[in-house]
Amino acid sequence: TIYTDASKTQTGAGAAASTTNLEKLVKLPEHCSIFTGEIIAIKQTLQISEILPENQIMIVSDLLSASKALKQLYPKNPILREIRECFKALESMNKKIYLLWVPSHIGIQKCRPSCKKGYK
C-alpha cells in the first residue's frame, strides 16, 4: 500500500507518496493546485511501484477529482498522460495497481504522508 497526499499553503506546495518504510517528498511551485500536487504524488507512487517486489499495489488517495481524472481515456493534462504510460509500463511488468479513494485519509492517519515537509 502506498499513500499519497498534497498540501498547499501561502508559503509553498508539496506532494508526497509513502509506504511504511519509504517516503518520497516533492517540493512544488507555489502556483500548483492541490489537484496537480495529488496527481504528481500518484505518479511518484507508480515510480515507487516499479521497485517494489509486490505485484499487487494499492494506492490510497484522498482527492476524489484526481481519482476520477485517472479514468479518462485521453487526458489533456500532460501529467495524467504520463501516469497512463506508467500504468502501461507496470502492466507489462505484470503488476496490478489498484486505486482507493479514502476521504481525508479517514482511519489511516498513522500512515499519512508528510507532504508539508516537501515544501519547507
PDB file of N, CA and C in Angstrom:
ATOM      1  N   THR A   1       0.841  -1.184   0.000  1.00  0.00           N
ATOM      2  CA  THR A   1       0.000   0.000   0.000  1.00  0.00           C
ATOM      3  C   THR A   1       0.882   1.240   0.000  1.00  0.00           C
ATOM      4  N   ILE A   2       0.526   2.177  -0.870  1.00  0.00           N
ATOM      5  CA  ILE A   2       1.239   3.449  -0.946  1.00  0.00           C
ATOM      6  C   ILE A   2       0.212   4.562  -0.779  1.00  0.00           C
ATOM      7  N   TYR A   3       0.510   5.487   0.116  1.00  0.00           N
ATOM      8  CA  TYR A   3      -0.389   6.597   0.406  1.00  0.00           C
ATOM      9  C   TYR A   3       0.105   7.855  -0.294  1.00  0.00           C
ATOM     10  N   THR A   4      -0.838   8.660  -0.793  1.00  0.00           N
ATOM     11  CA  THR A   4      -0.475   9.920  -1.442  1.00  0.00           C
ATOM     12  C   THR A   4      -1.113  11.075  -0.692  1.00  0.00           C
ATOM     13  N   ASP A   5      -0.500  12.231  -0.834  1.00  0.00           N
ATOM     14  CA  ASP A   5      -1.098  13.437  -0.271  1.00  0.00           C
ATOM     15  C   ASP A   5      -0.449  14.649  -0.923  1.00  0.00           C
ATOM     16  N   ALA A   6      -1.183  15.733  -0.944  1.00  0.00           N
ATOM     17  CA  ALA A   6      -0.669  17.009  -1.441  1.00  0.00           C
ATOM     18  C   ALA A   6      -1.135  18.093  -0.489  1.00  0.00           C
ATOM     19  N   SER A   7      -0.347  19.141  -0.399  1.00  0.00           N
ATOM     20  CA  SER A   7      -0.677  20.233   0.504  1.00  0.00           C
ATOM     21  C   SER A   7      -0.253  21.546  -0.129  1.00  0.00           C
ATOM     22  N   LYS A   8      -0.990  22.598   0.202  1.00  0.00           N
ATOM     23  CA  LYS A   8      -0.668  23.923  -0.318  1.00  0.00           C
ATOM     24  C   LYS A   8      -0.964  24.948   0.767  1.00  0.00           C
ATOM     25  N   THR A   9      -0.014  25.855   0.957  1.00  0.00           N
ATOM     26  CA  THR A   9      -0.206  26.964   1.884  1.00  0.00           C
ATOM     27  C   THR A   9       0.270  28.236   1.192  1.00  0.00           C
ATOM     28  N   GLN A  10       0.261  29.328   1.918  1.00  0.00           N
ATOM     29  CA  GLN A  10       0.742  30.592   1.355  1.00  0.00           C
ATOM     30  C   GLN A  10       2.244  30.559   1.108  1.00  0.00           C
ATOM     31  N   THR A  11       2.945  29.665   1.779  1.00  0.00           N
ATOM     32  CA  THR A  11       4.407  29.627   1.651  1.00  0.00           C
ATOM     33  C   THR A  11       4.920  28.561   0.694  1.00  0.00           C
ATOM     34  N   GLY A  12       4.043  27.716   0.173  1.00  0.00           N
ATOM     35  CA  GLY A  12       4.513  26.706  -0.757  1.00  0.00           C
ATOM     36  C   GLY A  12       3.550  25.558  -0.926  1.00  0.00           C
ATOM     37  N   ALA A  13       3.970  24.598  -1.731  1.00  0.00           N
ATOM     38  CA  ALA A  13       3.155  23.419  -2.005  1.00  0.00           C
ATOM     39  C   ALA A  13       4.060  22.197  -2.022  1.00  0.00           C
ATOM     40  N   GLY A  14       3.471  21.053  -1.698  1.00  0.00           N
ATOM     41  CA  GLY A  14       4.248  19.827  -1.689  1.00  0.00           C
ATOM     42  C   GLY A  14       3.383  18.627  -2.003  1.00  0.00           C
ATOM     43  N   ALA A  15       4.023  17.571  -2.446  1.00  0.00           N
ATOM     44  CA  ALA A  15       3.349  16.308  -2.725  1.00  0.00           C
ATOM     45  C   ALA A  15       4.177  15.201  -2.094  1.00  0.00           C
ATOM     46  N   ALA A  16       3.497  14.146  -1.669  1.00  0.00           N
ATOM     47  CA  ALA A  16       4.206  13.048  -1.023  1.00  0.00           C
ATOM     48  C   ALA A  16       3.573  11.716  -1.382  1.00  0.00           C
ATOM     49  N   ALA A  17       4.420  10.707  -1.413  1.00  0.00           N
ATOM     50  CA  ALA A  17       3.995   9.324  -1.571  1.00  0.00           C
ATOM     51  C   ALA A  17       4.762   8.530  -0.524  1.00  0.00           C
ATOM     52  N   SER A  18       4.053   7.670   0.215  1.00  0.00           N
ATOM     53  CA  SER A  18       4.766   6.929   1.253  1.00  0.00           C
ATOM     54  C   SER A  18       4.227   5.521   1.436  1.00  0.00           C
ATOM     55  N   THR A  19       5.143   4.642   1.814  1.00  0.00           N
ATOM     56  CA  THR A  19       4.815   3.295   2.255  1.00  0.00           C
ATOM     57  C   THR A  19       5.214   3.255   3.726  1.00  0.00           C
ATOM     58  N   THR A  20       5.134   2.089   4.340  1.00  0.00           N
ATOM     59  CA  THR A  20       5.502   2.012   5.751  1.00  0.00           C
ATOM     60  C   THR A  20       6.978   2.296   5.985  1.00  0.00           C
ATOM     61  N   ASN A  21       7.836   2.094   4.978  1.00  0.00           N
ATOM     62  CA  ASN A  21       9.268   2.326   5.193  1.00  0.00           C
ATOM     63  C   ASN A  21       9.940   3.181   4.114  1.00  0.00           C
ATOM     64  N   LEU A  22       9.145   3.897   3.318  1.00  0.00           N
ATOM     65  CA  LEU A  22       9.710   4.754   2.276  1.00  0.00           C
ATOM     66  C   LEU A  22       8.805   5.960   2.085  1.00  0.00           C
ATOM     67  N   GLU A  23       9.410   7.133   1.987  1.00  0.00           N
ATOM     68  CA  GLU A  23       8.628   8.344   1.744  1.00  0.00           C
ATOM     69  C   GLU A  23       9.340   9.193   0.701  1.00  0.00           C
ATOM     70  N   LYS A  24       8.586   9.617  -0.302  1.00  0.00           N
ATOM     71  CA  LYS A  24       9.137  10.467  -1.356  1.00  0.00           C
ATOM     72  C   LYS A  24       8.391  11.801  -1.322  1.00  0.00           C
ATOM     73  N   LEU A  25       9.139  12.875  -1.070  1.00  0.00           N
ATOM     74  CA  LEU A  25       8.557  14.210  -0.972  1.00  0.00           C
ATOM     75  C   LEU A  25       8.982  15.040  -2.172  1.00  0.00           C
ATOM     76  N   VAL A  26       8.062  15.851  -2.678  1.00  0.00           N
ATOM     77  CA  VAL A  26       8.349  16.699  -3.827  1.00  0.00           C
ATOM     78  C   VAL A  26       7.912  18.123  -3.510  1.00  0.00           C
ATOM     79  N   LYS A  27       8.843  19.056  -3.635  1.00  0.00           N
ATOM     80  CA  LYS A  27       8.507  20.472  -3.494  1.00  0.00           C
ATOM     81  C   LYS A  27       7.937  20.932  -4.824  1.00  0.00           C
ATOM     82  N   LEU A  28       6.811  21.619  -4.772  1.00  0.00           N
ATOM     83  CA  LEU A  28       6.128  22.068  -5.978  1.00  0.00           C
ATOM     84  C   LEU A  28       6.128  23.588  -6.061  1.00  0.00           C
ATOM     85  N   PRO A  29       5.993  24.128  -7.260  1.00  0.00           N
ATOM     86  CA  PRO A  29       5.874  25.583  -7.384  1.00  0.00           C
ATOM     87  C   PRO A  29       4.653  26.086  -6.608  1.00  0.00           C
ATOM     88  N   GLU A  30       4.744  27.285  -6.077  1.00  0.00           N
ATOM     89  CA  GLU A  30       3.661  27.842  -5.259  1.00  0.00           C
ATOM     90  C   GLU A  30       2.328  27.897  -5.995  1.00  0.00           C
ATOM     91  N   HIS A  31       2.358  28.028  -7.312  1.00  0.00           N
ATOM     92  CA  HIS A  31       1.116  28.166  -8.075  1.00  0.00           C
ATOM     93  C   HIS A  31       0.399  26.833  -8.310  1.00  0.00           C
ATOM     94  N   CYS A  32       1.011  25.725  -7.945  1.00  0.00           N
ATOM     95  CA  CYS A  32       0.386  24.413  -8.163  1.00  0.00           C
ATOM     96  C   CYS A  32      -0.895  24.278  -7.351  1.00  0.00           C
ATOM     97  N   SER A  33      -1.863  23.618  -7.944  1.00  0.00           N
ATOM     98  CA  SER A  33      -3.110  23.340  -7.236  1.00  0.00           C
ATOM     99  C   SER A  33      -2.970  22.041  -6.438  1.00  0.00           C
ATOM    100  N   ILE A  34      -3.913  21.809  -5.543  1.00  0.00           N
ATOM    101  CA  ILE A  34      -3.946  20.548  -4.800  1.00  0.00           C
ATOM    102  C   ILE A  34      -4.115  19.385  -5.786  1.00  0.00           C
ATOM    103  N   PHE A  35      -4.951  19.576  -6.797  1.00  0.00           N
ATOM    104  CA  PHE A  35      -5.155  18.539  -7.812  1.00  0.00           C
ATOM    105  C   PHE A  35      -3.827  18.163  -8.470  1.00  0.00           C
ATOM    106  N   THR A  36      -3.079  19.164  -8.925  1.00  0.00           N
ATOM    107  CA  THR A  36      -1.786  18.892  -9.565  1.00  0.00           C
ATOM    108  C   THR A  36      -0.844  18.190  -8.595  1.00  0.00           C
ATOM    109  N   GLY A  37      -0.824  18.655  -7.346  1.00  0.00           N
ATOM    110  CA  GLY A  37       0.014  18.007  -6.337  1.00  0.00           C
ATOM    111  C   GLY A  37      -0.350  16.552  -6.136  1.00  0.00           C
ATOM    112  N   GLU A  38      -1.642  16.275  -6.099  1.00  0.00           N
ATOM    113  CA  GLU A  38      -2.085  14.896  -5.870  1.00  0.00           C
ATOM    114  C   GLU A  38      -1.736  13.996  -7.053  1.00  0.00           C
ATOM    115  N   ILE A  39      -1.905  14.479  -8.279  1.00  0.00           N
ATOM    116  CA  ILE A  39      -1.565  13.602  -9.407  1.00  0.00           C
ATOM    117  C   ILE A  39      -0.051  13.432  -9.532  1.00  0.00           C
ATOM    118  N   ILE A  40       0.708  14.433  -9.108  1.00  0.00           N
ATOM    119  CA  ILE A  40       2.167  14.260  -9.059  1.00  0.00           C
ATOM    120  C   ILE A  40       2.518  13.200  -8.016  1.00  0.00           C
ATOM    121  N   ALA A  41       1.836  13.234  -6.873  1.00  0.00           N
ATOM    122  CA  ALA A  41       2.069  12.217  -5.838  1.00  0.00           C
ATOM    123  C   ALA A  41       1.706  10.827  -6.360  1.00  0.00           C
ATOM    124  N   ILE A  42       0.615  10.730  -7.110  1.00  0.00           N
ATOM    125  CA  ILE A  42       0.222   9.439  -7.681  1.00  0.00           C
ATOM    126  C   ILE A  42       1.287   8.956  -8.667  1.00  0.00           C
ATOM    127  N   LYS A  43       1.804   9.867  -9.463  1.00  0.00           N
ATOM    128  CA  LYS A  43       2.885   9.492 -10.394  1.00  0.00           C
ATOM    129  C   LYS A  43       4.097   8.975  -9.614  1.00  0.00           C
ATOM    130  N   GLN A  44       4.403   9.616  -8.481  1.00  0.00           N
ATOM    131  CA  GLN A  44       5.512   9.155  -7.641  1.00  0.00           C
ATOM    132  C   GLN A  44       5.255   7.731  -7.142  1.00  0.00           C
ATOM    133  N   THR A  45       3.998   7.431  -6.783  1.00  0.00           N
ATOM    134  CA  THR A  45       3.690   6.083  -6.293  1.00  0.00           C
ATOM    135  C   THR A  45       3.936   5.044  -7.375  1.00  0.00           C
ATOM    136  N   LEU A  46       3.630   5.409  -8.604  1.00  0.00           N
ATOM    137  CA  LEU A  46       3.849   4.459  -9.699  1.00  0.00           C
ATOM    138  C   LEU A  46       5.333   4.214  -9.915  1.00  0.00           C
ATOM    139  N   GLN A  47       6.130   5.252  -9.748  1.00  0.00           N
ATOM    140  CA  GLN A  47       7.580   5.082  -9.861  1.00  0.00           C
ATOM    141  C   GLN A  47       8.116   4.220  -8.717  1.00  0.00           C
ATOM    142  N   ILE A  48       7.585   4.418  -7.520  1.00  0.00           N
ATOM    143  CA  ILE A  48       7.967   3.578  -6.378  1.00  0.00           C
ATOM    144  C   ILE A  48       7.560   2.126  -6.651  1.00  0.00           C
ATOM    145  N   SER A  49       6.383   1.942  -7.253  1.00  0.00           N
ATOM    146  CA  SER A  49       5.858   0.601  -7.523  1.00  0.00           C
ATOM    147  C   SER A  49       6.782  -0.226  -8.401  1.00  0.00           C
ATOM    148  N   GLU A  50       7.525   0.447  -9.268  1.00  0.00           N
ATOM    149  CA  GLU A  50       8.440  -0.274 -10.156  1.00  0.00           C
ATOM    150  C   GLU A  50       9.507  -1.039  -9.385  1.00  0.00           C
ATOM    151  N   ILE A  51       9.915  -0.517  -8.225  1.00  0.00           N
ATOM    152  CA  ILE A  51      10.990  -1.167  -7.470  1.00  0.00           C
ATOM    153  C   ILE A  51      10.486  -2.068  -6.347  1.00  0.00           C
ATOM    154  N   LEU A  52       9.188  -2.033  -6.078  1.00  0.00           N
ATOM    155  CA  LEU A  52       8.643  -2.896  -5.027  1.00  0.00           C
ATOM    156  C   LEU A  52       8.527  -4.331  -5.532  1.00  0.00           C
ATOM    157  N   PRO A  53       8.769  -5.303  -4.654  1.00  0.00           N
ATOM    158  CA  PRO A  53       8.676  -6.700  -5.088  1.00  0.00           C
ATOM    159  C   PRO A  53       7.232  -7.170  -5.301  1.00  0.00           C
ATOM    160  N   GLU A  54       6.269  -6.496  -4.681  1.00  0.00           N
ATOM    161  CA  GLU A  54       4.870  -6.914  -4.790  1.00  0.00           C
ATOM    162  C   GLU A  54       4.353  -6.723  -6.215  1.00  0.00           C
ATOM    163  N   ASN A  55       3.453  -7.615  -6.615  1.00  0.00           N
ATOM    164  CA  ASN A  55       2.813  -7.498  -7.924  1.00  0.00           C
ATOM    165  C   ASN A  55       1.439  -6.851  -7.840  1.00  0.00           C
ATOM    166  N   GLN A  56       0.901  -6.723  -6.639  1.00  0.00           N
ATOM    167  CA  GLN A  56      -0.382  -6.047  -6.445  1.00  0.00           C
ATOM    168  C   GLN A  56      -0.153  -4.893  -5.485  1.00  0.00           C
ATOM    169  N   ILE A  57      -0.468  -3.685  -5.953  1.00  0.00           N
ATOM    170  CA  ILE A  57      -0.176  -2.490  -5.164  1.00  0.00           C
ATOM    171  C   ILE A  57      -1.422  -1.622  -5.068  1.00  0.00           C
ATOM    172  N   MET A  58      -1.739  -1.221  -3.849  1.00  0.00           N
ATOM    173  CA  MET A  58      -2.874  -0.343  -3.593  1.00  0.00           C
ATOM    174  C   MET A  58      -2.356   1.077  -3.401  1.00  0.00           C
ATOM    175  N   ILE A  59      -2.915   2.019  -4.160  1.00  0.00           N
ATOM    176  CA  ILE A  59      -2.603   3.435  -3.990  1.00  0.00           C
ATOM    177  C   ILE A  59      -3.793   4.070  -3.288  1.00  0.00           C
ATOM    178  N   VAL A  60      -3.535   4.729  -2.166  1.00  0.00           N
ATOM    179  CA  VAL A  60      -4.596   5.361  -1.386  1.00  0.00           C
ATOM    180  C   VAL A  60      -4.483   6.868  -1.547  1.00  0.00           C
ATOM    181  N   SER A  61      -5.526   7.464  -2.117  1.00  0.00           N
ATOM    182  CA  SER A  61      -5.573   8.906  -2.367  1.00  0.00           C
ATOM    183  C   SER A  61      -6.783   9.497  -1.657  1.00  0.00           C
ATOM    184  N   ASP A  62      -6.666  10.750  -1.233  1.00  0.00           N
ATOM    185  CA  ASP A  62      -7.808  11.381  -0.578  1.00  0.00           C
ATOM    186  C   ASP A  62      -8.474  12.448  -1.451  1.00  0.00           C
ATOM    187  N   LEU A  63      -8.105  12.525  -2.716  1.00  0.00           N
ATOM    188  CA  LEU A  63      -8.683  13.541  -3.598  1.00  0.00           C
ATOM    189  C   LEU A  63      -9.503  12.857  -4.693  1.00  0.00           C
ATOM    190  N   LEU A  64     -10.817  12.958  -4.572  1.00  0.00           N
ATOM    191  CA  LEU A  64     -11.720  12.279  -5.495  1.00  0.00           C
ATOM    192  C   LEU A  64     -11.522  12.746  -6.934  1.00  0.00           C
ATOM    193  N   SER A  65     -11.303  14.039  -7.142  1.00  0.00           N
ATOM    194  CA  SER A  65     -11.151  14.537  -8.518  1.00  0.00           C
ATOM    195  C   SER A  65      -9.925  13.923  -9.201  1.00  0.00           C
ATOM    196  N   ALA A  66      -8.876  13.666  -8.458  1.00  0.00           N
ATOM    197  CA  ALA A  66      -7.692  13.014  -9.038  1.00  0.00           C
ATOM    198  C   ALA A  66      -8.023  11.572  -9.411  1.00  0.00           C
ATOM    199  N   SER A  67      -8.734  10.890  -8.536  1.00  0.00           N
ATOM    200  CA  SER A  67      -9.121   9.505  -8.815  1.00  0.00           C
ATOM    201  C   SER A  67      -9.992   9.428 -10.064  1.00  0.00           C
ATOM    202  N   LYS A  68     -10.931  10.363 -10.191  1.00  0.00           N
ATOM    203  CA  LYS A  68     -11.805  10.385 -11.371  1.00  0.00           C
ATOM    204  C   LYS A  68     -11.022  10.735 -12.634  1.00  0.00           C
ATOM    205  N   ALA A  69     -10.096  11.667 -12.528  1.00  0.00           N
ATOM    206  CA  ALA A  69      -9.318  12.096 -13.698  1.00  0.00           C
ATOM    207  C   ALA A  69      -8.496  10.947 -14.271  1.00  0.00           C
ATOM    208  N   LEU A  70      -8.064  10.030 -13.417  1.00  0.00           N
ATOM    209  CA  LEU A  70      -7.259   8.899 -13.887  1.00  0.00           C
ATOM    210  C   LEU A  70      -8.054   7.943 -14.776  1.00  0.00           C
ATOM    211  N   LYS A  71      -9.368   8.061 -14.752  1.00  0.00           N
ATOM    212  CA  LYS A  71     -10.212   7.184 -15.570  1.00  0.00           C
ATOM    213  C   LYS A  71     -10.374   7.699 -17.000  1.00  0.00           C
ATOM    214  N   GLN A  72      -9.914   8.917 -17.269  1.00  0.00           N
ATOM    215  CA  GLN A  72     -10.037   9.481 -18.618  1.00  0.00           C
ATOM    216  C   GLN A  72      -9.196   8.666 -19.604  1.00  0.00           C
ATOM    217  N   LEU A  73      -9.795   8.330 -20.736  1.00  0.00           N
ATOM    218  CA  LEU A  73      -9.061   7.575 -21.752  1.00  0.00           C
ATOM    219  C   LEU A  73      -8.035   8.434 -22.474  1.00  0.00           C
ATOM    220  N   TYR A  74      -8.377   9.678 -22.737  1.00  0.00           N
ATOM    221  CA  TYR A  74      -7.485  10.580 -23.467  1.00  0.00           C
ATOM    222  C   TYR A  74      -7.349  11.898 -22.706  1.00  0.00           C
ATOM    223  N   PRO A  75      -6.596  11.888 -21.621  1.00  0.00           N
ATOM    224  CA  PRO A  75      -6.489  13.106 -20.806  1.00  0.00           C
ATOM    225  C   PRO A  75      -5.706  14.210 -21.521  1.00  0.00           C
ATOM    226  N   LYS A  76      -6.131  15.440 -21.302  1.00  0.00           N
ATOM    227  CA  LYS A  76      -5.415  16.594 -21.858  1.00  0.00           C
ATOM    228  C   LYS A  76      -4.231  16.972 -20.976  1.00  0.00           C
ATOM    229  N   ASN A  77      -4.351  16.709 -19.695  1.00  0.00           N
ATOM    230  CA  ASN A  77      -3.295  17.055 -18.747  1.00  0.00           C
ATOM    231  C   ASN A  77      -2.059  16.183 -19.017  1.00  0.00           C
ATOM    232  N   PRO A  78      -0.898  16.795 -19.241  1.00  0.00           N
ATOM    233  CA  PRO A  78       0.306  16.007 -19.554  1.00  0.00           C
ATOM    234  C   PRO A  78       0.734  15.071 -18.424  1.00  0.00           C
ATOM    235  N   ILE A  79       0.491  15.456 -17.184  1.00  0.00           N
ATOM    236  CA  ILE A  79       0.857  14.577 -16.062  1.00  0.00           C
ATOM    237  C   ILE A  79      -0.021  13.333 -16.077  1.00  0.00           C
ATOM    238  N   LEU A  80      -1.307  13.513 -16.379  1.00  0.00           N
ATOM    239  CA  LEU A  80      -2.201  12.357 -16.468  1.00  0.00           C
ATOM    240  C   LEU A  80      -1.785  11.434 -17.609  1.00  0.00           C
ATOM    241  N   ARG A  81      -1.315  11.999 -18.712  1.00  0.00           N
ATOM    242  CA  ARG A  81      -0.827  11.161 -19.817  1.00  0.00           C
ATOM    243  C   ARG A  81       0.411  10.372 -19.377  1.00  0.00           C
ATOM    244  N   GLU A  82       1.302  11.015 -18.616  1.00  0.00           N
ATOM    245  CA  GLU A  82       2.485  10.317 -18.101  1.00  0.00           C
ATOM    246  C   GLU A  82       2.076   9.185 -17.162  1.00  0.00           C
ATOM    247  N   ILE A  83       1.062   9.438 -16.352  1.00  0.00           N
ATOM    248  CA  ILE A  83       0.563   8.410 -15.433  1.00  0.00           C
ATOM    249  C   ILE A  83       0.032   7.218 -16.223  1.00  0.00           C
ATOM    250  N   ARG A  84      -0.700   7.479 -17.291  1.00  0.00           N
ATOM    251  CA  ARG A  84      -1.213   6.378 -18.125  1.00  0.00           C
ATOM    252  C   ARG A  84      -0.059   5.545 -18.684  1.00  0.00           C
ATOM    253  N   GLU A  85       1.020   6.202 -19.079  1.00  0.00           N
ATOM    254  CA  GLU A  85       2.194   5.476 -19.580  1.00  0.00           C
ATOM    255  C   GLU A  85       2.830   4.640 -18.467  1.00  0.00           C
ATOM    256  N   CYS A  86       2.868   5.191 -17.257  1.00  0.00           N
ATOM    257  CA  CYS A  86       3.401   4.432 -16.110  1.00  0.00           C
ATOM    258  C   CYS A  86       2.552   3.192 -15.848  1.00  0.00           C
ATOM    259  N   PHE A  87       1.215   3.345 -15.922  1.00  0.00           N
ATOM    260  CA  PHE A  87       0.326   2.195 -15.745  1.00  0.00           C
ATOM    261  C   PHE A  87       0.640   1.113 -16.774  1.00  0.00           C
ATOM    262  N   LYS A  88       0.844   1.519 -18.024  1.00  0.00           N
ATOM    263  CA  LYS A  88       1.159   0.552 -19.084  1.00  0.00           C
ATOM    264  C   LYS A  88       2.481  -0.158 -18.803  1.00  0.00           C
ATOM    265  N   ALA A  89       3.479   0.604 -18.365  1.00  0.00           N
ATOM    266  CA  ALA A  89       4.786   0.009 -18.062  1.00  0.00           C
ATOM    267  C   ALA A  89       4.669  -1.001 -16.923  1.00  0.00           C
ATOM    268  N   LEU A  90       3.915  -0.651 -15.885  1.00  0.00           N
ATOM    269  CA  LEU A  90       3.738  -1.563 -14.756  1.00  0.00           C
ATOM    270  C   LEU A  90       2.959  -2.804 -15.177  1.00  0.00           C
ATOM    271  N   GLU A  91       1.980  -2.604 -16.033  1.00  0.00           N
ATOM    272  CA  GLU A  91       1.211  -3.741 -16.536  1.00  0.00           C
ATOM    273  C   GLU A  91       2.117  -4.712 -17.295  1.00  0.00           C
ATOM    274  N   SER A  92       3.063  -4.165 -18.055  1.00  0.00           N
ATOM    275  CA  SER A  92       3.993  -5.031 -18.797  1.00  0.00           C
ATOM    276  C   SER A  92       4.931  -5.785 -17.851  1.00  0.00           C
ATOM    277  N   MET A  93       5.053  -5.294 -16.612  1.00  0.00           N
ATOM    278  CA  MET A  93       5.861  -5.969 -15.592  1.00  0.00           C
ATOM    279  C   MET A  93       5.001  -6.923 -14.760  1.00  0.00           C
ATOM    280  N   ASN A  94       3.759  -7.147 -15.207  1.00  0.00           N
ATOM    281  CA  ASN A  94       2.786  -7.996 -14.506  1.00  0.00           C
ATOM    282  C   ASN A  94       2.424  -7.466 -13.129  1.00  0.00           C
ATOM    283  N   LYS A  95       2.391  -6.152 -12.997  1.00  0.00           N
ATOM    284  CA  LYS A  95       1.984  -5.537 -11.733  1.00  0.00           C
ATOM    285  C   LYS A  95       0.567  -5.010 -11.885  1.00  0.00           C
ATOM    286  N   LYS A  96      -0.239  -5.253 -10.879  1.00  0.00           N
ATOM    287  CA  LYS A  96      -1.633  -4.806 -10.860  1.00  0.00           C
ATOM    288  C   LYS A  96      -1.737  -3.663  -9.861  1.00  0.00           C
ATOM    289  N   ILE A  97      -2.241  -2.525 -10.333  1.00  0.00           N
ATOM    290  CA  ILE A  97      -2.349  -1.335  -9.497  1.00  0.00           C
ATOM    291  C   ILE A  97      -3.820  -1.070  -9.208  1.00  0.00           C
ATOM    292  N   TYR A  98      -4.138  -0.863  -7.942  1.00  0.00           N
ATOM    293  CA  TYR A  98      -5.491  -0.524  -7.514  1.00  0.00           C
ATOM    294  C   TYR A  98      -5.458   0.870  -6.911  1.00  0.00           C
ATOM    295  N   LEU A  99      -6.489   1.642  -7.173  1.00  0.00           N
ATOM    296  CA  LEU A  99      -6.588   2.988  -6.614  1.00  0.00           C
ATOM    297  C   LEU A  99      -7.781   3.037  -5.679  1.00  0.00           C
ATOM    298  N   LEU A 100      -7.533   3.444  -4.453  1.00  0.00           N
ATOM    299  CA  LEU A 100      -8.578   3.543  -3.444  1.00  0.00           C
ATOM    300  C   LEU A 100      -8.699   4.988  -2.997  1.00  0.00           C
ATOM    301  N   TRP A 101      -9.906   5.525  -3.063  1.00  0.00           N
ATOM    302  CA  TRP A 101     -10.160   6.875  -2.574  1.00  0.00           C
ATOM    303  C   TRP A 101     -10.660   6.779  -1.139  1.00  0.00           C
ATOM    304  N   VAL A 102      -9.974   7.447  -0.230  1.00  0.00           N
ATOM    305  CA  VAL A 102     -10.374   7.495   1.174  1.00  0.00           C
ATOM    306  C   VAL A 102     -10.468   8.968   1.560  1.00  0.00           C
ATOM    307  N   PRO A 103     -11.684   9.489   1.734  1.00  0.00           N
ATOM    308  CA  PRO A 103     -11.833  10.913   2.061  1.00  0.00           C
ATOM    309  C   PRO A 103     -11.010  11.299   3.286  1.00  0.00           C
ATOM    310  N   SER A 104     -10.163  12.294   3.122  1.00  0.00           N
ATOM    311  CA  SER A 104      -9.322  12.818   4.214  1.00  0.00           C
ATOM    312  C   SER A 104      -8.464  11.748   4.886  1.00  0.00           C
ATOM    313  N   HIS A 105      -8.215  10.648   4.202  1.00  0.00           N
ATOM    314  CA  HIS A 105      -7.422   9.541   4.762  1.00  0.00           C
ATOM    315  C   HIS A 105      -8.014   9.070   6.094  1.00  0.00           C
ATOM    316  N   ILE A 106      -9.331   9.063   6.206  1.00  0.00           N
ATOM    317  CA  ILE A 106     -10.012   8.676   7.444  1.00  0.00           C
ATOM    318  C   ILE A 106      -9.574   7.275   7.862  1.00  0.00           C
ATOM    319  N   GLY A 107      -9.149   7.156   9.100  1.00  0.00           N
ATOM    320  CA  GLY A 107      -8.776   5.868   9.663  1.00  0.00           C
ATOM    321  C   GLY A 107      -7.352   5.420   9.375  1.00  0.00           C
ATOM    322  N   ILE A 108      -6.580   6.217   8.642  1.00  0.00           N
ATOM    323  CA  ILE A 108      -5.212   5.807   8.320  1.00  0.00           C
ATOM    324  C   ILE A 108      -4.218   6.923   8.618  1.00  0.00           C
ATOM    325  N   GLN A 109      -4.498   7.722   9.589  1.00  0.00           N
ATOM    326  CA  GLN A 109      -3.641   8.861   9.941  1.00  0.00           C
ATOM    327  C   GLN A 109      -2.205   8.425  10.214  1.00  0.00           C
ATOM    328  N   LYS A 110      -2.025   7.263  10.780  1.00  0.00           N
ATOM    329  CA  LYS A 110      -0.685   6.765  11.119  1.00  0.00           C
ATOM    330  C   LYS A 110       0.230   6.697   9.892  1.00  0.00           C
ATOM    331  N   CYS A 111      -0.324   6.360   8.743  1.00  0.00           N
ATOM    332  CA  CYS A 111       0.484   6.176   7.539  1.00  0.00           C
ATOM    333  C   CYS A 111       0.415   7.361   6.583  1.00  0.00           C
ATOM    334  N   ARG A 112      -0.268   8.417   6.961  1.00  0.00           N
ATOM    335  CA  ARG A 112      -0.432   9.553   6.056  1.00  0.00           C
ATOM    336  C   ARG A 112       0.905  10.236   5.793  1.00  0.00           C
ATOM    337  N   PRO A 113       1.203  10.520   4.537  1.00  0.00           N
ATOM    338  CA  PRO A 113       2.474  11.166   4.208  1.00  0.00           C
ATOM    339  C   PRO A 113       2.588  12.570   4.783  1.00  0.00           C
ATOM    340  N   SER A 114       3.807  13.024   4.934  1.00  0.00           N
ATOM    341  CA  SER A 114       4.082  14.359   5.468  1.00  0.00           C
ATOM    342  C   SER A 114       4.408  15.302   4.327  1.00  0.00           C
ATOM    343  N   CYS A 115       3.436  15.602   3.488  1.00  0.00           N
ATOM    344  CA  CYS A 115       3.727  16.407   2.306  1.00  0.00           C
ATOM    345  C   CYS A 115       4.127  17.827   2.677  1.00  0.00           C
ATOM    346  N   LYS A 116       3.751  18.285   3.863  1.00  0.00           N
ATOM    347  CA  LYS A 116       4.137  19.641   4.256  1.00  0.00           C
ATOM    348  C   LYS A 116       5.647  19.767   4.382  1.00  0.00           C
ATOM    349  N   LYS A 117       6.333  18.660   4.668  1.00  0.00           N
ATOM    350  CA  LYS A 117       7.797  18.682   4.714  1.00  0.00           C
ATOM    351  C   LYS A 117       8.370  18.965   3.329  1.00  0.00           C
ATOM    352  N   GLY A 118       7.619  18.596   2.305  1.00  0.00           N
ATOM    353  CA  GLY A 118       8.101  18.700   0.943  1.00  0.00           C
ATOM    354  C   GLY A 118       8.335  20.115   0.463  1.00  0.00           C
ATOM    355  N   TYR A 119       7.704  21.084   1.084  1.00  0.00           N
ATOM    356  CA  TYR A 119       7.903  22.452   0.604  1.00  0.00           C
ATOM    357  C   TYR A 119       8.629  23.324   1.601  1.00  0.00           C
ATOM    358  N   LYS A 120       9.152  22.751   2.651  1.00  0.00           N
ATOM    359  CA  LYS A 120       9.900  23.546   3.639  1.00  0.00           C
ATOM    360  C   LYS A 120      11.368  23.537   3.331  1.00  0.00           C
TER     361      LYS A 120
END
